[in-house]
């Protein structure tokens, strides 16, 4: 990954990656890392308190915008008794997702669909896998867990599909016709390591294709949905810390790169 300086019309940031400025993403608002103004989501199931909106709202993104916190309630965390906004999203149990198949895309276990406010030529998708700190205390208080007990909840074996064709899900989501979808990735997302500044886990090359809808589908195999089975735990939920979609740079005279 190459690092460069970049200049946008909004303000100066200091990091560009893979040849594209870190502000050249769908939903960039010039103020913070929240992309929910232009990126929506739905999923096969959700955790009671951590939906996949938390994988879009930028609350865990730190510094120059290329690393994610390991604090589930924000960084710095709130004072005791004050609660806090969650920084990562996670599904419900596999049984819930299997009872809510999407249709039209690859069948599997959990699925998450992202929709944009319009069609964009997408260059890359950045994925930060689930990065909850292992020192989090359980609801009973005082219990610490190994770091990999929480990061092992990150999605593992997945397929990513994309389309510019809508009309599915009651007319507001991606097509229900399998012929309209292009598979852009199939494989594993590396496990996050629970670090305070966790880099991007996976960069997926979209090649500049026109896209408005993206679906991530996990395998239906409980042992490969996440990495919990590797440490002897039965949990079948699976999460992500953050996702971001980079656009093909505009050809309008905007200065993107400054060495």
Protein backbone atom coordinates (compact mmCIF):
# COMPACT_ATOMS: atom_id res chain seq x y z
CA UNK A 1 0.00 0.00 0.00
CA UNK A 2 1.50 3.29 -1.10
CA UNK A 3 1.22 6.41 1.08
CA UNK A 4 0.91 9.89 -0.40
CA UNK A 5 -0.30 13.31 0.64
CA UNK A 6 -3.61 14.46 -0.79
CA UNK A 7 -5.52 17.71 -1.11
CA UNK A 8 -9.28 17.96 -1.49
CA UNK A 9 -11.48 20.96 -2.01
CA UNK A 10 -12.86 20.49 1.50
CA UNK A 11 -9.67 20.28 3.52
CA UNK A 12 -6.20 18.76 3.63
CA UNK A 13 -5.76 15.19 4.74
CA UNK A 14 -2.47 13.41 4.94
CA UNK A 15 -3.01 9.88 3.72
CA UNK A 16 -3.94 8.32 0.38
CA UNK A 17 -3.87 4.61 -0.19
CA UNK A 18 -3.70 2.40 -3.27
CA UNK A 19 -3.51 5.50 -5.45
CA UNK A 20 -6.79 7.01 -4.25
CA UNK A 21 -7.31 9.77 -1.73
CA UNK A 22 -8.81 8.63 1.56
CA UNK A 23 -11.53 11.27 1.21
CA UNK A 24 -12.59 10.07 -2.25
CA UNK A 25 -15.21 7.69 -0.87
CA UNK A 26 -18.97 7.48 -1.17
CA UNK A 27 -20.59 9.41 1.66
CA UNK A 28 -17.63 11.71 2.38
CA UNK A 29 -19.10 14.83 4.01
CA UNK A 30 -16.02 16.96 4.70
CA UNK A 31 -16.64 16.85 8.47
CA UNK A 32 -16.19 13.29 9.75
CA UNK A 33 -16.09 9.66 8.61
CA UNK A 34 -19.86 9.03 8.73
CA UNK A 35 -21.07 7.76 5.33
CA UNK A 36 -24.72 7.12 6.22
CA UNK A 37 -25.85 10.23 4.33
CA UNK A 38 -25.25 8.39 1.06
CA UNK A 39 -24.94 4.71 2.05
CA UNK A 40 -27.83 2.68 3.45
CA UNK A 41 -27.93 -0.92 4.65
CA UNK A 42 -30.12 -3.91 5.44
CA UNK A 43 -29.15 -7.37 6.65
CA UNK A 44 -30.41 -10.89 7.20
CA UNK A 45 -30.25 -10.43 10.99
CA UNK A 46 -28.77 -8.05 13.52
CA UNK A 47 -27.42 -8.05 17.05
CA UNK A 48 -29.90 -6.47 19.51
CA UNK A 49 -27.72 -3.39 20.01
CA UNK A 50 -25.13 -3.37 17.18
CA UNK A 51 -26.56 -3.02 13.68
CA UNK A 52 -24.54 -2.61 10.52
CA UNK A 53 -25.19 1.12 10.62
CA UNK A 54 -22.28 1.04 13.08
CA UNK A 55 -20.14 -0.23 10.20
CA UNK A 56 -20.97 2.93 8.25
CA UNK A 57 -21.15 5.75 10.79
CA UNK A 58 -17.40 6.17 11.20
CA UNK A 59 -17.46 6.33 15.00
CA UNK A 60 -14.55 3.92 15.36
CA UNK A 61 -12.42 5.45 12.60
CA UNK A 62 -9.41 7.33 13.95
CA UNK A 63 -6.75 9.80 12.90
CA UNK A 64 -6.20 10.04 9.16
CA UNK A 65 -9.17 7.79 8.43
CA UNK A 66 -7.30 4.58 7.65
CA UNK A 67 -7.38 2.85 11.07
CA UNK A 68 -10.18 1.63 13.37
CA UNK A 69 -10.34 1.62 17.16
CA UNK A 70 -10.71 -1.55 19.21
CA UNK A 71 -13.16 0.13 21.60
CA UNK A 72 -16.70 -1.15 21.09
CA UNK A 73 -18.31 1.86 22.82
CA UNK A 74 -16.17 4.61 21.31
CA UNK A 75 -12.63 5.87 21.71
CA UNK A 76 -12.14 7.14 24.30
CA UNK A 77 -14.86 5.06 26.00
CA UNK A 78 -17.66 6.82 27.90
CA UNK A 79 -17.54 7.27 31.66
CA UNK A 80 -19.12 4.46 33.73
CA UNK A 81 -22.91 4.59 33.62
CA UNK A 82 -23.04 6.97 30.63
CA UNK A 83 -23.50 4.36 27.92
CA UNK A 84 -22.10 5.15 24.51
CA UNK A 85 -22.52 4.72 20.78
CA UNK A 86 -21.35 1.40 19.35
CA UNK A 87 -18.56 1.45 16.79
CA UNK A 88 -19.02 -1.93 15.04
CA UNK A 89 -21.85 -3.96 13.58
CA UNK A 90 -22.68 -7.62 14.03
CA UNK A 91 -25.37 -10.05 12.89
CA UNK A 92 -27.72 -12.15 14.91
CA UNK A 93 -27.40 -15.93 15.14
CA UNK A 94 -27.07 -18.02 11.98
CA UNK A 95 -30.52 -19.53 12.53
CA UNK A 96 -32.07 -16.05 12.21
CA UNK A 97 -30.26 -15.33 8.95
CA UNK A 98 -31.09 -18.71 7.42
CA UNK A 99 -34.74 -17.87 8.00
CA UNK A 100 -34.36 -14.64 6.00
CA UNK A 101 -32.66 -15.44 2.67
CA UNK A 102 -32.11 -12.50 0.34
CA UNK A 103 -32.79 -14.17 -2.99
CA UNK A 104 -31.18 -13.12 -6.26
CA UNK A 105 -27.65 -13.26 -4.91
CA UNK A 106 -25.51 -16.18 -3.78
CA UNK A 107 -27.19 -18.24 -1.10
CA UNK A 108 -25.31 -18.64 2.16
CA UNK A 109 -25.53 -17.75 5.83
CA UNK A 110 -25.54 -14.09 6.87
CA UNK A 111 -25.88 -11.33 4.28
CA UNK A 112 -25.52 -7.55 4.43
CA UNK A 113 -26.62 -5.29 1.58
CA UNK A 114 -25.37 -1.73 1.08
CA UNK A 115 -27.09 0.74 -1.24
CA UNK A 116 -25.84 4.11 -2.49
CA UNK A 117 -27.83 7.24 -3.26
CA UNK A 118 -26.91 6.87 -6.95
CA UNK A 119 -24.75 4.79 -9.27
CA UNK A 120 -21.00 5.32 -8.83
CA UNK A 121 -17.97 3.89 -10.55
CA UNK A 122 -16.39 2.08 -7.61
CA UNK A 123 -12.64 1.51 -7.51
CA UNK A 124 -12.25 -0.27 -4.16
CA UNK A 125 -14.07 -1.46 -1.07
CA UNK A 126 -12.20 -1.22 2.24
CA UNK A 127 -13.20 -3.61 5.02
CA UNK A 128 -12.10 -3.39 8.64
CA UNK A 129 -12.98 -6.70 10.29
CA UNK A 130 -14.60 -6.86 13.72
CA UNK A 131 -12.02 -5.48 16.18
CA UNK A 132 -13.54 -5.51 19.67
CA UNK A 133 -10.94 -5.32 22.43
CA UNK A 134 -10.48 -8.53 24.41
CA UNK A 135 -10.27 -6.60 27.68
CA UNK A 136 -13.96 -5.66 27.50
CA UNK A 137 -15.74 -6.56 30.75
CA UNK A 138 -18.81 -8.73 30.46
CA UNK A 139 -22.24 -7.61 31.60
CA UNK A 140 -21.57 -9.14 34.99
CA UNK A 141 -18.47 -6.97 35.36
CA UNK A 142 -14.92 -7.89 36.19
CA UNK A 143 -14.48 -10.60 33.58
CA UNK A 144 -11.75 -10.23 30.97
CA UNK A 145 -11.64 -12.39 27.88
CA UNK A 146 -8.84 -13.32 25.46
CA UNK A 147 -8.54 -10.81 22.62
CA UNK A 148 -9.36 -13.41 19.99
CA UNK A 149 -12.66 -14.28 21.65
CA UNK A 150 -14.07 -11.03 20.29
CA UNK A 151 -12.10 -10.49 17.09
CA UNK A 152 -12.95 -14.10 16.18
CA UNK A 153 -16.53 -12.87 15.69
CA UNK A 154 -15.42 -11.09 12.52
CA UNK A 155 -16.73 -12.39 9.21
CA UNK A 156 -14.52 -15.03 7.64
CA UNK A 157 -15.49 -16.80 4.40
CA UNK A 158 -17.50 -14.41 2.23
CA UNK A 159 -18.61 -13.54 -1.28
CA UNK A 160 -19.11 -9.93 -2.40
CA UNK A 161 -21.44 -9.17 -5.30
CA UNK A 162 -22.31 -5.84 -6.92
CA UNK A 163 -24.82 -4.40 -9.36
CA UNK A 164 -26.11 -1.10 -10.69
CA UNK A 165 -29.58 -2.58 -11.25
CA UNK A 166 -32.29 -1.96 -8.68
CA UNK A 167 -35.86 -3.13 -8.25
CA UNK A 168 -35.40 -5.80 -5.58
CA UNK A 169 -36.56 -5.87 -1.99
CA UNK A 170 -39.85 -4.19 -2.76
CA UNK A 171 -38.26 -1.90 -5.34
CA UNK A 172 -35.75 -0.06 -3.17
CA UNK A 173 -32.80 -2.48 -3.16
CA UNK A 174 -30.64 -4.36 -5.63
CA UNK A 175 -32.09 -6.62 -8.28
CA UNK A 176 -33.56 -10.02 -7.44
CA UNK A 177 -32.29 -11.41 -10.77
CA UNK A 178 -29.02 -13.34 -10.36
CA UNK A 179 -28.01 -12.36 -13.89
CA UNK A 180 -27.67 -8.72 -12.82
CA UNK A 181 -24.96 -9.37 -10.21
CA UNK A 182 -21.20 -9.46 -10.63
CA UNK A 183 -19.02 -11.35 -8.13
CA UNK A 184 -16.07 -9.11 -7.22
CA UNK A 185 -14.59 -11.17 -4.38
CA UNK A 186 -14.78 -14.66 -2.92
CA UNK A 187 -12.53 -15.72 -0.07
CA UNK A 188 -11.62 -14.99 3.54
CA UNK A 189 -11.46 -11.66 5.35
CA UNK A 190 -8.35 -11.70 7.57
CA UNK A 191 -9.03 -11.61 11.30
CA UNK A 192 -8.46 -8.26 13.00
CA UNK A 193 -5.90 -8.32 15.81
CA UNK A 194 -7.68 -6.11 18.35
CA UNK A 195 -5.14 -3.30 18.08
CA UNK A 196 -6.02 0.28 19.16
CA UNK A 197 -5.33 1.43 15.60
CA UNK A 198 -6.30 -1.49 13.38
CA UNK A 199 -5.52 -1.06 9.66
CA UNK A 200 -7.83 -2.13 6.87
CA UNK A 201 -8.26 -5.91 6.88
CA UNK A 202 -9.14 -6.33 3.21
CA UNK A 203 -9.11 -4.13 0.10
CA UNK A 204 -11.36 -5.42 -2.70
CA UNK A 205 -10.71 -4.18 -6.22
CA UNK A 206 -13.97 -3.33 -8.03
CA UNK A 207 -12.17 -2.20 -11.18
CA UNK A 208 -14.25 0.94 -11.69
CA UNK A 209 -17.51 -0.84 -12.54
CA UNK A 210 -20.81 1.06 -12.13
CA UNK A 211 -22.35 0.08 -8.79
CA UNK A 212 -25.29 1.08 -6.65
CA UNK A 213 -25.81 -2.07 -4.57
CA UNK A 214 -23.29 -4.34 -2.85
CA UNK A 215 -24.06 -7.58 -1.00
CA UNK A 216 -21.71 -9.43 1.33
CA UNK A 217 -22.77 -13.05 1.91
CA UNK A 218 -21.07 -15.38 4.37
CA UNK A 219 -20.87 -19.12 3.95
CA UNK A 220 -23.60 -21.16 5.64
CA UNK A 221 -20.96 -23.39 7.25
CA UNK A 222 -21.01 -22.53 10.98
CA UNK A 223 -17.31 -23.38 11.28
CA UNK A 224 -16.34 -20.83 8.62
CA UNK A 225 -18.78 -17.97 9.17
CA UNK A 226 -16.36 -16.58 11.74
CA UNK A 227 -13.38 -17.97 13.71
CA UNK A 228 -15.21 -18.81 16.94
CA UNK A 229 -15.13 -22.56 16.23
CA UNK A 230 -11.33 -22.31 16.08
CA UNK A 231 -11.28 -21.40 19.77
CA UNK A 232 -13.98 -23.86 20.79
CA UNK A 233 -16.94 -21.47 21.03
CA UNK A 234 -20.33 -22.04 19.42
CA UNK A 235 -21.30 -18.46 18.46
CA UNK A 236 -22.55 -18.09 14.88
CA UNK A 237 -22.96 -14.32 14.72
CA UNK A 238 -20.49 -12.42 12.53
CA UNK A 239 -19.54 -8.77 12.38
CA UNK A 240 -17.56 -6.01 10.72
CA UNK A 241 -16.00 -2.91 12.20
CA UNK A 242 -16.36 -0.63 9.16
CA UNK A 243 -16.74 -0.63 5.40
CA UNK A 244 -15.95 2.12 2.90
CA UNK A 245 -16.43 2.41 -0.84
CA UNK A 246 -13.92 4.43 -2.87
CA UNK A 247 -14.98 6.10 -6.09
CA UNK A 248 -13.01 6.41 -9.30
CA UNK A 249 -11.35 9.85 -8.94
CA UNK A 250 -13.26 12.67 -10.68
CA UNK A 251 -11.93 14.11 -13.92
CA UNK A 252 -12.95 17.65 -13.08
CA UNK A 253 -9.69 19.38 -12.24
CA UNK A 254 -9.85 18.49 -8.52
CA UNK A 255 -6.35 18.11 -7.11
CA UNK A 256 -6.16 14.70 -5.45
CA UNK A 257 -2.45 14.11 -5.02
CA UNK A 258 0.35 16.28 -3.67
CA UNK A 259 3.71 14.58 -3.25
